[in-house]
Each structure stands twice: as C-alpha cells, then as structure tokens.
C-alpha cells in the first residue's frame, strides 16, 4: 500500500490534481472579494473609492490570470472559471440582493434607490461582464477591468 501511495504522489496525475486543487482554492478564496468589488463598481460609480475598487479587482483577476495547471501549463477553462467565480458568488438574483443588503446595512449607501424586485438588469450586466472576463482569463488575456466596463465614472 505504501508503495502505491509513493507511486501516486510521484505521478503526473497527482501533480495535476494538486495544482487543480490549489487553483480551485485560490478562486474560491478570492471570488467573494472580487464579486463584492465588482458589485461596488456597478452600484457606486461616483464613490471616491471607485479607482481603489478597480485596483482590487485588477489585482485579484491578474493573480488568477497567472494560474497555470501542472504539468502542461494549461489554463482553467471558461466553464470552470464561470462556476467558481460567478456561480458561487453572484450566480442567483437572491445572492445579488443579499450582497446589496449587506452593503446597505454596512458603510455603503447607494446613491440611488434600488428596487429589489427589479434586479435582473443589474444581474445580467454583471453576468455578461463575468462571462467576458472569464473567457479572457481562460486564454491568459485578462489585462484590466477597464476593458470590460461599459461605462465610466462620471
């Protein structure tokens, strides 16, 4: 049994699984932070913290952009990125609503009224942003969050 474990630990399959596990851990740990900051960019475009939040998003996504899976330096595919970055953080309208409520109960007050019964447009816009970002992350082409924002701070 010990010999089998030693062979498994030295195998490429184990090495790849370990790397995949590490990548999953990075995405799952950074995903909520990135989601919160992306949502803040949408909700508070006139905030004095807007550029700081863009920097936080860029830092998180650039670190994900550098992930290469062993042994062939393969990148995470778009479906995996969508699952771990989008679906686990803002994948439903209810998750979006809960995060907005959390912001409002904390230090952030929206500059405009938020209709909680009509969040679908916001949710779809954020989902489209994630889809485009994840597509580029899967190809190692993410550069800057500004390339994905359809609007600018006024």
Protein backbone atom coordinates (compact mmCIF):
# COMPACT_ATOMS: atom_id res chain seq x y z
CA UNK A 1 0.00 0.00 0.00
CA UNK A 2 2.81 2.42 0.86
CA UNK A 3 4.49 1.71 -2.49
CA UNK A 4 1.25 2.54 -4.29
CA UNK A 5 0.96 5.86 -2.43
CA UNK A 6 4.58 6.70 -3.24
CA UNK A 7 3.95 5.99 -6.93
CA UNK A 8 0.78 8.09 -6.85
CA UNK A 9 2.48 11.07 -5.20
CA UNK A 10 5.23 10.97 -7.85
CA UNK A 11 2.81 10.63 -10.76
CA UNK A 12 1.77 13.42 -13.12
CA UNK A 13 -1.87 12.70 -12.29
CA UNK A 14 -1.33 13.53 -8.63
CA UNK A 15 0.73 16.59 -9.54
CA UNK A 16 -2.05 17.90 -11.81
CA UNK A 17 -4.74 17.19 -9.24
CA UNK A 18 -2.75 19.02 -6.60
CA UNK A 19 -2.34 22.01 -8.90
CA UNK A 20 -6.05 21.94 -9.79
CA UNK A 21 -6.92 21.80 -6.09
CA UNK A 22 -4.65 24.79 -5.42
CA UNK A 23 -6.23 26.72 -8.30
CA UNK A 24 -9.72 25.94 -7.01
CA UNK A 25 -8.73 27.14 -3.56
CA UNK A 26 -7.38 30.43 -4.96
CA UNK A 27 -10.55 31.08 -6.95
CA UNK A 28 -12.92 30.14 -4.16
CA UNK A 29 -10.97 32.27 -1.66
CA UNK A 30 -10.68 35.35 -3.91
CA UNK A 31 -14.05 35.01 -5.62
CA UNK A 32 -16.19 36.68 -2.94
CA UNK A 33 -13.76 39.60 -2.62
CA UNK A 34 -13.75 40.12 -6.40
CA UNK A 35 -17.56 39.82 -6.56
CA UNK A 36 -18.03 42.40 -3.80
CA UNK A 37 -15.75 44.89 -5.53
CA UNK A 38 -17.30 44.36 -8.96
CA UNK A 39 -20.74 44.95 -7.46
CA UNK A 40 -19.46 48.13 -5.78
CA UNK A 41 -18.23 49.35 -9.17
CA UNK A 42 -21.76 48.94 -10.51
CA UNK A 43 -23.59 50.37 -7.51
CA UNK A 44 -21.32 53.25 -6.55
CA UNK A 45 -19.68 54.61 -9.72
CA UNK A 46 -19.28 58.08 -8.16
CA UNK A 47 -17.58 56.85 -4.99
CA UNK A 48 -14.20 58.26 -4.04
CA UNK A 49 -13.18 54.58 -3.65
CA UNK A 50 -14.04 53.69 -7.27
CA UNK A 51 -10.42 53.58 -8.50
CA UNK A 52 -9.34 51.70 -5.38
CA UNK A 53 -12.01 49.05 -6.07
CA UNK A 54 -10.90 48.76 -9.70
CA UNK A 55 -7.36 48.20 -8.44
CA UNK A 56 -8.56 45.49 -6.05
CA UNK A 57 -10.45 43.74 -8.87
CA UNK A 58 -7.43 44.01 -11.18
CA UNK A 59 -5.12 42.57 -8.55
CA UNK A 60 -7.38 39.59 -7.89
CA UNK A 61 -8.05 38.85 -11.53
CA UNK A 62 -4.42 39.29 -12.60
CA UNK A 63 -3.36 36.73 -9.99
CA UNK A 64 -5.96 34.32 -11.41
CA UNK A 65 -4.74 35.12 -14.94
CA UNK A 66 -1.28 33.80 -13.92
CA UNK A 67 -2.57 30.38 -12.84
CA UNK A 68 -1.21 27.56 -14.97
CA UNK A 69 -2.07 23.96 -14.20
CA UNK A 70 0.71 21.41 -13.98
CA UNK A 71 2.17 19.51 -15.77
CA UNK A 72 1.39 21.18 -19.13
CA UNK A 73 0.88 24.80 -18.05
CA UNK A 74 -2.76 24.59 -19.06
CA UNK A 75 -5.18 27.33 -18.05
CA UNK A 76 -8.51 26.86 -16.31
CA UNK A 77 -11.32 26.60 -18.83
CA UNK A 78 -14.16 29.12 -19.10
CA UNK A 79 -16.77 26.78 -17.61
CA UNK A 80 -14.66 26.17 -14.51
CA UNK A 81 -13.99 29.88 -14.10
CA UNK A 82 -17.71 30.65 -14.50
CA UNK A 83 -18.57 28.08 -11.87
CA UNK A 84 -16.01 29.17 -9.28
CA UNK A 85 -16.04 32.94 -9.84
CA UNK A 86 -19.61 33.62 -10.97
CA UNK A 87 -21.97 30.88 -9.84
CA UNK A 88 -20.56 30.51 -6.33
CA UNK A 89 -20.69 34.26 -5.63
CA UNK A 90 -23.37 36.05 -7.64
CA UNK A 91 -24.95 33.21 -9.58
CA UNK A 92 -28.50 33.99 -8.49
CA UNK A 93 -30.60 37.11 -8.08
CA UNK A 94 -31.05 36.22 -4.42
CA UNK A 95 -27.26 36.22 -3.85
CA UNK A 96 -27.02 39.61 -5.55
CA UNK A 97 -29.86 41.00 -3.43
CA UNK A 98 -28.31 39.68 -0.21
CA UNK A 99 -24.94 41.26 -1.01
CA UNK A 100 -26.56 44.63 -1.76
CA UNK A 101 -28.49 44.46 1.52
CA UNK A 102 -25.23 43.65 3.31
CA UNK A 103 -23.65 46.77 1.77
CA UNK A 104 -26.61 48.95 2.75
CA UNK A 105 -26.55 47.69 6.32
CA UNK A 106 -22.84 48.48 6.47
CA UNK A 107 -20.92 51.54 5.38
CA UNK A 108 -22.20 51.81 1.81
CA UNK A 109 -25.37 53.60 0.91
CA UNK A 110 -26.39 53.61 -2.75
CA UNK A 111 -26.55 57.00 -4.44
CA UNK A 112 -29.92 56.00 -5.88
CA UNK A 113 -32.91 53.91 -4.84
CA UNK A 114 -32.50 50.21 -5.51
CA UNK A 115 -35.64 48.35 -6.48
CA UNK A 116 -35.09 44.89 -5.02
CA UNK A 117 -37.89 43.48 -7.13
CA UNK A 118 -36.14 44.55 -10.31
CA UNK A 119 -32.50 43.48 -10.03
CA UNK A 120 -32.49 41.33 -13.14
CA UNK A 121 -30.98 44.02 -15.41
CA UNK A 122 -28.12 44.62 -12.97
CA UNK A 123 -27.61 40.87 -12.54
CA UNK A 124 -27.49 40.34 -16.32
CA UNK A 125 -24.97 43.16 -16.77
CA UNK A 126 -22.68 41.72 -14.10
CA UNK A 127 -23.08 38.22 -15.55
CA UNK A 128 -22.09 39.49 -19.02
CA UNK A 129 -19.03 41.16 -17.50
CA UNK A 130 -18.03 37.90 -15.77
CA UNK A 131 -18.53 35.86 -18.95
CA UNK A 132 -16.21 38.18 -20.89
CA UNK A 133 -13.62 38.29 -18.13
CA UNK A 134 -13.65 34.50 -17.66
CA UNK A 135 -13.29 33.94 -21.40
CA UNK A 136 -10.16 36.08 -21.42
CA UNK A 137 -8.83 34.53 -18.18
CA UNK A 138 -9.13 31.08 -19.77
CA UNK A 139 -6.87 32.31 -22.58
CA UNK A 140 -4.49 34.30 -20.37
CA UNK A 141 -5.65 37.58 -21.91
CA UNK A 142 -7.04 39.47 -18.91
CA UNK A 143 -5.35 42.84 -18.64
CA UNK A 144 -7.51 45.47 -16.93
CA UNK A 145 -11.08 45.72 -15.60
CA UNK A 146 -11.48 48.98 -17.57
CA UNK A 147 -11.59 46.88 -20.75
CA UNK A 148 -14.84 45.28 -19.56
CA UNK A 149 -16.71 48.18 -18.02
CA UNK A 150 -19.22 49.63 -20.47
CA UNK A 151 -19.41 52.91 -18.62
CA UNK A 152 -17.03 55.28 -16.92
CA UNK A 153 -17.17 57.12 -13.65
CA UNK A 154 -18.98 60.43 -14.26
